[in-house]
Structure formats: C-alpha cells, structure tokens
Amino acid sequence: MRYVFFLCNVLDDITRNQRGIFTDSPAASKKIMELCTAIQGKGTRCFIISLGRGKSGGLVKFFSGSVRTINSVPIIYAPYTTIPFFSELFSLLAPLAFIFRFRSRSIKSIVFYNPIPAYLPALFISTLLRFRRILDLEDGNVAVHKRKFLSGSRVFVERLFDYFCNGGALLACDYLAQFTSLRPTLTYYGVVNSRQVPCVNRFKAEHVRVLFSGTLEHETGAQLLIDTIVAMRAYPSDWSQKVIFEVTGKGTSLNSFIELAKHDQFPKVIVHGRTTNFEYQKILNRVDIGLSLKLSDGPYANTTFPSKVMEFASNGILVLTTNISDVHKVFGDEGALYLLNSVENLKELIRGSVQDRIQMARIAKDGHRRVMNVGATGEVKKRLTQFIFEGT
C-alpha cells in the first residue's frame, strides 16, 4: 500500500462554518480535494492534513482536532484557537503526531501546499522519517512591498523547501518552474470529472447570465468589470437589457458590486457574496459565461493559473478570460474568448455573446472538450500517482 499526505489549509463547508473562518481560499480547497479524490483508490491511500485555521485574534475560541471524510478522502483537522501564539503553535506541532504514526510505512509521500513557515517542522520530521517530499507550488514569489525582513524570511523558507523536498514540485503553471530549483516538475491544472455532462441549456434563456467569482480585487479584474457595468448602464442598448451579472466571493470590491445591485437597471447585478459549495454549484448550473479577468499586466499574470477556467469549462460554461499564464495552452484559439484588458473590449465580447449565441455555444463546447483532454480523472490519476511516488 502506498500512502500520500497533503499538508495544507483545506476547509470543507461544515468545518469552515463551525470555526467561523472566512479568510480561506475555496478554490484552493476544492483543487486539493479533487486531486486527492482522483488519486485515492486501489493501492493508494490519500490523507489531507489541514491546519484548519483562519486569522487569530478577536473573541477567544478553541476547537479541538477533528476528522471529516469527503469523497472517501479523510481530512484530519488540527486543533485551532483564535489566541495568538497558541494558534501558531498548534499549526506547527499538530501535524507531527499524525505523520509520525506512519513512520514504518515503506512507501510514503507528503505534499506541501506552497512553502510556508508553518510547515517547517513537518518538513524536517518527514525528512528524518524518510518520506518522499514534494512541493505543490501554486504561486510565484512576487515582490513583497513591506519590510525587507518579510521578503528575506520568505526567500529563506523557500530555499529550505527547495533543499529538503527530494521529490520535485507540482506546478500550477509552467512559468513557476523558474521560482524553484526543484526537479523534476509536473504542471497540474486540476481534475475534471470524466462522467460530468455539461448543461445543454447554455445560451437558450431570455437573458445571458455572466458569472464573476472568487477574490474580488483590482488585480483580479473587479474594477474592470465594475467600470464596464457602469459604462453599459450609461448608454443602454437592446442587447444590454438581456445581460445579468452574478457575483460571488469576497474582497475589497464587494461593496462596490453591492451598490450596483441596489439599482434596478440593466445590465442587472446579483451579488451572492460568499457561498457554500452546494450554492455555488447551483449558480454554475444556470450561468452561460464565466469571467476570469485577472489583469494581464498585473503581478500574478504569469505566476499562477486561474483554476476557475477549468471549473467553468468543465460545466459547459463559456470562458471569457484574459490571456495569462497557461490559459491559451489549455484552450487554444477556439476554446475561449480572450479579453484585452479594456472596458470597450469587454463590452464588445459580451455584446457578441448576446447577439451570436450559437457561436458562443460552439466555443463553450470546444472549451469543454479541451479541459476534458487535459484534466480527465483517469489521466490525471496516472500522471500524479507516477510523479508523487516515482518522480517521473
């Protein structure tokens, strides 16, 4: 039996609500859960070790460790408290006991989700216990505009992971290879359920529904979308009366979207805020277009991959995206609509989506086919399992 452990900060909906945590990344949690579900099976046991934490401070709360199973994969949650110092101490020490239990297993690997200080004790102990150690690198080291100490300490932690991870690195996109000296590397975009059937009702309703989800910040294109909606309302047209924007997630731009939603104008804006996985899937089932507007001249344009494009396309949703990272590599010229980072261009792409729905449905279908090719469960399981345990 082969064992693989993912050390991360995954949170399922129930645990997130129980612990009152709203600072996590649902996209990151979903990607890890789907990866573990894909490789779990005959001959391989997969465990997620989650710090299960949010920001410390505020009201004093304590949560004991717990275990939940999602799609047959156990998630072992570390104890969590809002008390500073103790919160960090639990994160440093809690994973060690579980890792130590598997010291006698002959085939065992551990994957660290990004190089962060909280994982260092587990990195050192797993090295002593002869685990195969792999770094899952999801973000590049963009400039830190704070104290030099913070930047220096981050580089130091990254170098420790580069030194001790003997199994190479999983990368969110090809460009990240230059941020680590680890070799070999494997680029992994996400898992697509091979049995998932895309909704056949896209672009057939009276209105075209457009989804903007995730982190609502300037760098992710939130202000670009806000400016576009304002411009569309300033000069109403017949086609703009048929557009509805739905917004989910959190961030500094959330209040701006809420203000837009207060006005009964077209294009209409519906703001959901933070949703559960079940609620979010219901939204995915009814929208026609998914927006991925991370700015192509922003700090994260090449240093991460927008996993939402895989999510949109796997559900049969038309992807409207900026041409960043490996997006074009996955979708090619005909599997998505590409944005040029301007209000006028975004307006034109949405107008075309309303006026030529047959063509838009064809592009969405091609996008679905392409993500099935790169993210089908069977192929992903084969590649990941081989890389995690053999490094090839």
Protein backbone atom coordinates (compact mmCIF):
# COMPACT_ATOMS: atom_id res chain seq x y z
CA MET A 1 0.00 0.00 0.00
CA ARG A 2 1.23 3.49 -0.91
CA TYR A 3 0.42 6.47 1.31
CA VAL A 4 0.33 10.15 0.35
CA PHE A 5 -0.35 13.07 2.69
CA PHE A 6 -1.26 16.62 1.67
CA LEU A 7 -0.34 19.27 4.23
CA CYS A 8 -2.43 22.37 3.59
CA ASN A 9 -5.23 24.54 4.97
CA VAL A 10 -8.21 22.88 3.29
CA LEU A 11 -11.63 23.65 4.77
CA ASP A 12 -14.92 21.96 3.95
CA ASP A 13 -18.15 23.96 4.33
CA ILE A 14 -19.16 22.44 7.68
CA THR A 15 -15.79 22.92 9.36
CA ARG A 16 -15.44 26.42 7.92
CA ASN A 17 -18.78 27.45 9.42
CA GLN A 18 -18.13 25.70 12.74
CA ARG A 19 -14.83 27.52 13.18
CA GLY A 20 -16.12 30.82 11.79
CA ILE A 21 -13.33 31.13 9.23
CA PHE A 22 -13.82 33.40 6.21
CA THR A 23 -10.22 34.10 5.19
CA ASP A 24 -9.56 30.80 3.41
CA SER A 25 -9.45 30.10 -0.32
CA PRO A 26 -12.37 27.94 -1.51
CA ALA A 27 -10.68 27.46 -4.90
CA ALA A 28 -7.55 26.07 -3.25
CA SER A 29 -9.58 23.75 -1.03
CA LYS A 30 -11.57 22.46 -3.98
CA LYS A 31 -8.49 21.84 -6.11
CA ILE A 32 -6.78 19.80 -3.38
CA MET A 33 -9.91 17.79 -2.58
CA GLU A 34 -10.41 16.94 -6.25
CA LEU A 35 -6.75 15.96 -6.63
CA CYS A 36 -6.90 13.65 -3.61
CA THR A 37 -10.18 12.10 -4.76
CA ALA A 38 -8.61 11.40 -8.15
CA ILE A 39 -5.55 9.54 -6.84
CA GLN A 40 -7.31 7.72 -3.99
CA GLY A 41 -8.04 4.13 -4.92
CA LYS A 42 -6.69 0.64 -5.19
CA GLY A 43 -3.15 0.51 -3.86
CA THR A 44 -3.09 4.20 -2.80
CA ARG A 45 -4.37 5.80 0.40
CA CYS A 46 -4.62 9.58 0.49
CA PHE A 47 -4.94 11.78 3.59
CA ILE A 48 -5.36 15.54 3.85
CA ILE A 49 -3.75 17.10 6.92
CA SER A 50 -5.29 20.53 7.33
CA LEU A 51 -4.22 23.27 9.72
CA GLY A 52 -7.90 24.26 9.71
CA ARG A 53 -7.16 27.82 10.69
CA GLY A 54 -8.04 31.42 10.00
CA LYS A 55 -6.81 34.70 11.45
CA SER A 56 -6.01 34.76 15.15
CA GLY A 57 -7.32 37.46 17.46
CA GLY A 58 -10.82 38.63 18.36
CA LEU A 59 -13.05 36.56 20.64
CA VAL A 60 -11.28 33.69 22.40
CA LYS A 61 -12.33 30.40 20.83
CA PHE A 62 -10.91 26.89 20.83
CA PHE A 63 -11.71 23.99 18.52
CA SER A 64 -10.34 20.52 19.08
CA GLY A 65 -8.92 18.42 16.28
CA SER A 66 -11.41 16.53 14.15
CA VAL A 67 -11.72 14.23 11.16
CA ARG A 68 -14.12 14.52 8.24
CA THR A 69 -14.31 12.36 5.13
CA ILE A 70 -15.10 13.97 1.77
CA ASN A 71 -15.48 11.64 -1.24
CA SER A 72 -13.71 8.83 0.67
CA VAL A 73 -10.69 11.05 1.49
CA PRO A 74 -10.12 11.69 5.24
CA ILE A 75 -9.38 15.28 6.23
CA ILE A 76 -7.55 15.45 9.57
CA TYR A 77 -8.05 18.91 11.07
CA ALA A 78 -5.54 20.27 13.57
CA PRO A 79 -6.83 21.98 16.73
CA TYR A 80 -7.44 25.67 16.23
CA THR A 81 -7.67 28.63 18.58
CA THR A 82 -8.04 32.35 17.99
CA ILE A 83 -5.47 33.09 20.74
CA PRO A 84 -2.26 34.47 19.19
CA PHE A 85 0.90 32.40 19.73
CA PHE A 86 -1.12 29.29 20.64
CA SER A 87 -2.78 29.48 17.22
CA GLU A 88 0.64 29.37 15.53
CA LEU A 89 1.93 26.72 17.95
CA PHE A 90 -0.91 24.34 17.09
CA SER A 91 -0.20 24.80 13.39
CA LEU A 92 3.48 24.00 13.88
CA LEU A 93 3.08 20.91 16.05
CA ALA A 94 -0.30 19.31 15.36
CA PRO A 95 0.60 17.62 12.02
CA LEU A 96 3.66 15.92 13.52
CA ALA A 97 1.80 13.31 15.55
CA PHE A 98 -0.13 12.06 12.54
CA ILE A 99 2.96 11.98 10.33
CA PHE A 100 4.88 10.06 12.99
CA ARG A 101 2.22 7.33 13.05
CA PHE A 102 3.20 6.32 9.52
CA ARG A 103 6.97 6.24 10.11
CA SER A 104 7.18 2.48 9.49
CA ARG A 105 5.38 2.52 6.13
CA SER A 106 7.79 1.74 3.34
CA ILE A 107 6.12 3.80 0.56
CA LYS A 108 5.01 7.20 1.77
CA SER A 109 4.98 10.70 0.31
CA ILE A 110 4.00 14.09 1.66
CA VAL A 111 2.98 17.10 -0.44
CA PHE A 112 3.31 20.64 0.97
CA TYR A 113 0.87 23.20 -0.40
CA ASN A 114 3.17 26.18 -1.03
CA PRO A 115 6.31 26.85 1.05
CA ILE A 116 5.11 28.44 4.30
CA PRO A 117 6.79 28.59 7.74
CA ALA A 118 4.01 26.63 9.50
CA TYR A 119 5.03 23.52 7.54
CA LEU A 120 8.72 23.60 8.51
CA PRO A 121 8.53 21.19 11.49
CA ALA A 122 6.63 18.70 9.31
CA LEU A 123 9.22 19.18 6.56
CA PHE A 124 12.08 18.37 8.92
CA ILE A 125 10.36 15.42 10.63
CA SER A 126 9.21 13.88 7.34
CA THR A 127 12.81 14.13 6.14
CA LEU A 128 14.05 12.22 9.18
CA LEU A 129 11.32 9.61 8.70
CA ARG A 130 12.28 9.20 5.03
CA PHE A 131 9.08 10.38 3.42
CA ARG A 132 9.26 11.34 -0.23
CA ARG A 133 8.73 15.12 -0.07
CA ILE A 134 7.06 17.20 -2.79
CA LEU A 135 6.27 20.90 -3.03
CA ASP A 136 2.96 21.96 -4.57
CA LEU A 137 3.83 25.44 -5.83
CA GLU A 138 0.69 27.44 -6.63
CA ASP A 139 2.05 30.99 -6.58
CA GLY A 140 5.27 32.68 -7.59
CA ASN A 141 7.28 34.92 -5.30
CA VAL A 142 6.06 38.32 -6.46
CA ALA A 143 7.53 41.43 -4.85
CA VAL A 144 6.76 41.95 -1.17
CA HIS A 145 6.14 45.67 -0.62
CA LYS A 146 6.60 45.53 3.14
CA ARG A 147 9.64 45.30 5.39
CA LYS A 148 12.78 43.77 3.94
CA PHE A 149 12.70 41.27 6.79
CA LEU A 150 9.45 39.78 5.48
CA SER A 151 10.87 39.42 1.99
CA GLY A 152 14.10 37.90 3.31
CA SER A 153 12.35 35.42 5.58
CA ARG A 154 10.12 34.29 2.73
CA VAL A 155 13.10 33.63 0.49
CA PHE A 156 14.79 31.71 3.32
CA VAL A 157 11.73 29.46 3.79
CA GLU A 158 11.51 28.84 0.05
CA ARG A 159 15.15 27.79 -0.04
CA LEU A 160 14.59 25.34 2.81
CA PHE A 161 11.81 23.67 0.83
CA ASP A 162 13.97 23.64 -2.27
CA TYR A 163 16.68 21.88 -0.28
CA PHE A 164 14.60 19.30 1.58
CA CYS A 165 11.92 18.37 -0.98
CA ASN A 166 13.58 15.45 -2.73
CA GLY A 167 10.56 14.53 -4.86
CA GLY A 168 10.32 17.62 -7.04
CA ALA A 169 7.49 20.10 -7.44
CA LEU A 170 3.92 20.19 -8.68
CA LEU A 171 3.33 23.48 -10.52
CA ALA A 172 0.15 25.46 -11.10
CA CYS A 173 1.59 26.65 -14.44
CA ASP A 174 4.76 26.18 -16.49
CA TYR A 175 6.19 29.61 -15.65
CA LEU A 176 6.54 28.68 -11.96
CA ALA A 177 9.46 26.37 -12.78
CA GLN A 178 11.75 29.40 -12.58
CA PHE A 179 10.70 30.08 -8.98
CA THR A 180 12.13 26.81 -7.67
CA SER A 181 15.27 24.77 -8.20
CA LEU A 182 13.35 21.56 -7.56
CA ARG A 183 13.35 18.97 -10.30
CA PRO A 184 11.53 17.13 -11.71
CA THR A 185 8.39 19.22 -12.08
CA LEU A 186 4.85 18.43 -13.20
CA THR A 187 2.32 21.07 -14.22
CA TYR A 188 -1.14 20.28 -12.88
CA TYR A 189 -4.20 22.38 -13.79
CA GLY A 190 -6.93 20.47 -12.00
CA VAL A 191 -9.24 17.48 -12.29
CA VAL A 192 -12.33 17.22 -14.46
CA ASN A 193 -14.85 14.51 -13.69
CA SER A 194 -14.95 12.33 -16.80
CA ARG A 195 -18.61 11.50 -16.15
CA GLN A 196 -19.65 15.14 -15.80
CA VAL A 197 -22.15 16.13 -18.50
CA PRO A 198 -22.26 19.87 -19.28
CA CYS A 199 -25.61 21.63 -19.10
CA VAL A 200 -27.26 21.70 -22.54
CA ASN A 201 -29.29 24.84 -21.81
CA ARG A 202 -26.49 27.39 -22.16
CA PHE A 203 -27.45 30.49 -24.20
CA LYS A 204 -31.06 29.34 -24.59
CA ALA A 205 -32.78 31.51 -21.96
CA GLU A 206 -34.05 35.04 -22.48
CA HIS A 207 -31.12 36.54 -20.58
CA VAL A 208 -27.42 35.75 -20.80
CA ARG A 209 -26.07 35.22 -17.30
CA VAL A 210 -22.45 36.14 -16.62
CA LEU A 211 -20.60 34.94 -13.51
CA PHE A 212 -17.73 36.74 -11.77
CA SER A 213 -16.45 34.76 -8.79
CA GLY A 214 -13.57 34.37 -6.37
CA THR A 215 -11.40 37.13 -4.91
CA LEU A 216 -12.95 40.48 -5.74
CA GLU A 217 -9.91 42.73 -6.04
CA HIS A 218 -8.45 45.16 -8.56
CA GLU A 219 -5.81 42.61 -9.63
CA THR A 220 -8.48 40.02 -10.44
CA GLY A 221 -10.34 42.43 -12.72
CA ALA A 222 -13.08 43.52 -10.32
CA GLN A 223 -12.68 47.23 -11.12
CA LEU A 224 -12.59 46.48 -14.84
CA LEU A 225 -15.95 44.72 -14.54
CA ILE A 226 -17.42 47.50 -12.37
CA ASP A 227 -16.37 50.12 -14.93
CA THR A 228 -17.85 48.01 -17.72
CA ILE A 229 -21.21 47.68 -15.98
CA VAL A 230 -21.29 51.43 -15.30
CA ALA A 231 -20.49 52.13 -18.96
CA MET A 232 -23.21 49.74 -20.16
CA ARG A 233 -25.76 51.43 -17.92
CA ALA A 234 -24.70 54.90 -19.03
CA TYR A 235 -25.54 54.08 -22.66
CA PRO A 236 -28.37 51.50 -22.56
CA SER A 237 -28.97 49.33 -25.61
CA ASP A 238 -31.29 46.49 -26.55
CA TRP A 239 -28.61 43.85 -26.07
CA SER A 240 -27.54 45.10 -22.61
CA GLN A 241 -31.14 44.62 -21.43
CA LYS A 242 -30.54 40.89 -21.85
CA VAL A 243 -27.48 40.62 -19.59
CA ILE A 244 -27.43 39.62 -15.92
CA PHE A 245 -24.20 39.59 -13.90
CA GLU A 246 -23.93 37.29 -10.88
CA VAL A 247 -21.12 37.93 -8.39
CA THR A 248 -19.83 35.55 -5.72
CA GLY A 249 -16.85 35.69 -3.38
CA LYS A 250 -15.21 38.25 -1.15
CA GLY A 251 -12.75 41.12 -1.36
CA THR A 252 -12.39 44.88 -1.21
CA SER A 253 -14.60 45.38 -4.29
CA LEU A 254 -17.59 43.51 -2.83
CA ASN A 255 -19.27 46.69 -1.56
CA SER A 256 -18.98 48.31 -4.99
CA PHE A 257 -20.86 45.39 -6.54
CA ILE A 258 -23.48 45.61 -3.78
CA GLU A 259 -24.02 49.28 -4.66
CA LEU A 260 -24.51 48.36 -8.33
CA ALA A 261 -27.01 45.68 -7.33
CA LYS A 262 -29.14 48.21 -5.45
CA HIS A 263 -30.14 49.97 -8.68
CA ASP A 264 -32.87 48.36 -10.74
CA GLN A 265 -31.14 48.85 -14.08
CA PHE A 266 -29.86 46.63 -16.84
CA PRO A 267 -27.50 45.00 -17.00
CA LYS A 268 -28.79 43.64 -13.73
CA VAL A 269 -26.32 42.74 -10.96
CA ILE A 270 -26.98 40.00 -8.40
CA VAL A 271 -24.50 39.73 -5.52
CA HIS A 272 -24.32 36.45 -3.59
CA GLY A 273 -21.16 37.07 -1.57
CA ARG A 274 -19.56 34.02 0.00
CA THR A 275 -21.45 30.82 -0.86
CA THR A 276 -21.29 27.17 0.11
CA ASN A 277 -20.11 24.63 -2.47
CA PHE A 278 -23.73 23.50 -2.96
CA GLU A 279 -24.98 27.05 -3.53
CA TYR A 280 -22.12 27.80 -5.89
CA GLN A 281 -22.84 24.71 -7.98
CA LYS A 282 -26.47 25.85 -8.38
CA ILE A 283 -25.16 29.15 -9.77
CA LEU A 284 -22.80 27.33 -12.14
CA ASN A 285 -25.72 25.30 -13.44
CA ARG A 286 -27.61 28.38 -14.65
CA VAL A 287 -24.97 30.81 -15.96
CA ASP A 288 -23.78 30.99 -19.57
CA ILE A 289 -20.45 32.83 -19.27
CA GLY A 290 -17.70 32.62 -16.65
CA LEU A 291 -15.32 35.56 -16.27
CA SER A 292 -11.63 35.20 -15.43
CA LEU A 293 -10.36 38.78 -15.55
CA LYS A 294 -7.03 38.64 -13.75
CA LEU A 295 -5.11 41.54 -15.27
CA SER A 296 -2.56 40.51 -17.88
CA ASP A 297 -0.22 43.30 -16.72
CA GLY A 298 -0.75 42.54 -13.02
CA PRO A 299 1.67 40.88 -10.57
CA TYR A 300 0.03 37.45 -10.80
CA ALA A 301 -0.44 37.22 -14.55
CA ASN A 302 2.18 34.54 -15.10
CA THR A 303 2.78 33.22 -11.60
CA THR A 304 -0.40 31.22 -11.09
CA PHE A 305 -3.12 29.52 -13.11
CA PRO A 306 -6.78 30.62 -12.80
CA SER A 307 -8.32 27.29 -11.82
CA LYS A 308 -11.80 28.76 -12.27
CA VAL A 309 -11.42 28.46 -16.07
CA MET A 310 -11.22 24.67 -15.66
CA GLU A 311 -14.27 24.78 -13.42
CA PHE A 312 -16.27 26.90 -15.87
CA ALA A 313 -15.39 24.85 -18.95
CA SER A 314 -15.98 21.50 -17.24
CA ASN A 315 -19.54 22.67 -16.54
CA GLY A 316 -20.06 23.68 -20.17
CA ILE A 317 -19.80 27.41 -19.40
CA LEU A 318 -18.22 29.73 -21.95
CA VAL A 319 -14.89 31.02 -20.62
CA LEU A 320 -14.20 34.74 -21.12
CA THR A 321 -10.66 35.30 -19.88
CA THR A 322 -7.54 37.38 -20.08
CA ASN A 323 -4.72 35.61 -21.88
CA ILE A 324 -2.48 34.93 -18.90
CA SER A 325 -0.37 32.06 -17.65
CA ASP A 326 -1.12 28.74 -19.43
CA VAL A 327 -4.71 29.60 -20.36
CA HIS A 328 -4.04 29.67 -24.11
CA LYS A 329 -2.06 26.44 -23.83
CA VAL A 330 -5.17 24.73 -22.43
CA PHE A 331 -7.90 26.39 -24.54
CA GLY A 332 -6.13 27.24 -27.78
CA ASP A 333 -7.60 29.82 -30.16
CA GLU A 334 -11.12 28.42 -30.27
CA GLY A 335 -11.92 27.16 -26.77
CA ALA A 336 -12.41 30.52 -25.05
CA LEU A 337 -12.96 34.26 -25.58
CA TYR A 338 -9.88 36.37 -24.81
CA LEU A 339 -10.04 39.83 -23.28
CA LEU A 340 -7.63 42.72 -23.95
CA ASN A 341 -7.99 44.38 -20.52
CA SER A 342 -10.22 47.25 -21.64
CA VAL A 343 -13.79 48.26 -20.85
CA GLU A 344 -14.68 48.65 -24.53
CA ASN A 345 -13.30 45.21 -25.40
CA LEU A 346 -15.20 43.55 -22.55
CA LYS A 347 -18.41 45.29 -23.66
CA GLU A 348 -17.90 44.06 -27.22
CA LEU A 349 -17.27 40.47 -26.14
CA ILE A 350 -20.42 40.44 -24.01
CA ARG A 351 -22.43 42.04 -26.82
CA GLY A 352 -21.21 39.37 -29.21
CA SER A 353 -22.19 36.68 -26.70
CA VAL A 354 -25.74 38.03 -26.60
CA GLN A 355 -26.12 38.51 -30.35
CA ASP A 356 -24.42 35.33 -31.60
CA ARG A 357 -25.44 32.69 -29.11
CA ILE A 358 -25.00 29.74 -31.47
CA GLN A 359 -21.33 30.60 -31.98
CA MET A 360 -20.84 31.13 -28.24
CA ALA A 361 -22.31 27.70 -27.51
CA ARG A 362 -19.86 26.19 -30.01
CA ILE A 363 -16.89 27.85 -28.30
CA ALA A 364 -18.13 26.65 -24.90
CA LYS A 365 -18.41 23.11 -26.27
CA ASP A 366 -14.86 23.25 -27.62
CA GLY A 367 -13.59 24.57 -24.30
CA HIS A 368 -15.29 21.68 -22.52
CA ARG A 369 -13.63 19.20 -24.85
CA ARG A 370 -10.20 20.71 -24.29
CA VAL A 371 -10.36 20.65 -20.48
CA MET A 372 -11.58 17.07 -20.62
CA ASN A 373 -8.41 16.23 -22.56
CA VAL A 374 -6.05 17.77 -20.00
CA GLY A 375 -7.94 17.09 -16.78
CA ALA A 376 -9.81 13.77 -17.19
CA THR A 377 -9.74 11.87 -13.90
CA GLY A 378 -8.11 8.72 -15.24
CA GLU A 379 -5.25 10.51 -16.97
CA VAL A 380 -4.67 12.86 -14.02
CA LYS A 381 -4.58 9.94 -11.60
CA LYS A 382 -1.99 8.14 -13.70
CA ARG A 383 0.29 11.17 -14.09
CA LEU A 384 0.02 12.36 -10.49
CA THR A 385 0.49 8.95 -8.91
CA GLN A 386 3.55 8.25 -11.05
CA PHE A 387 5.04 11.66 -10.22
CA ILE A 388 4.30 11.58 -6.49
CA PHE A 389 5.77 8.13 -5.89
CA GLU A 390 8.34 7.80 -8.67
CA GLY A 391 9.19 11.32 -9.80
CA THR A 392 8.60 10.63 -13.47
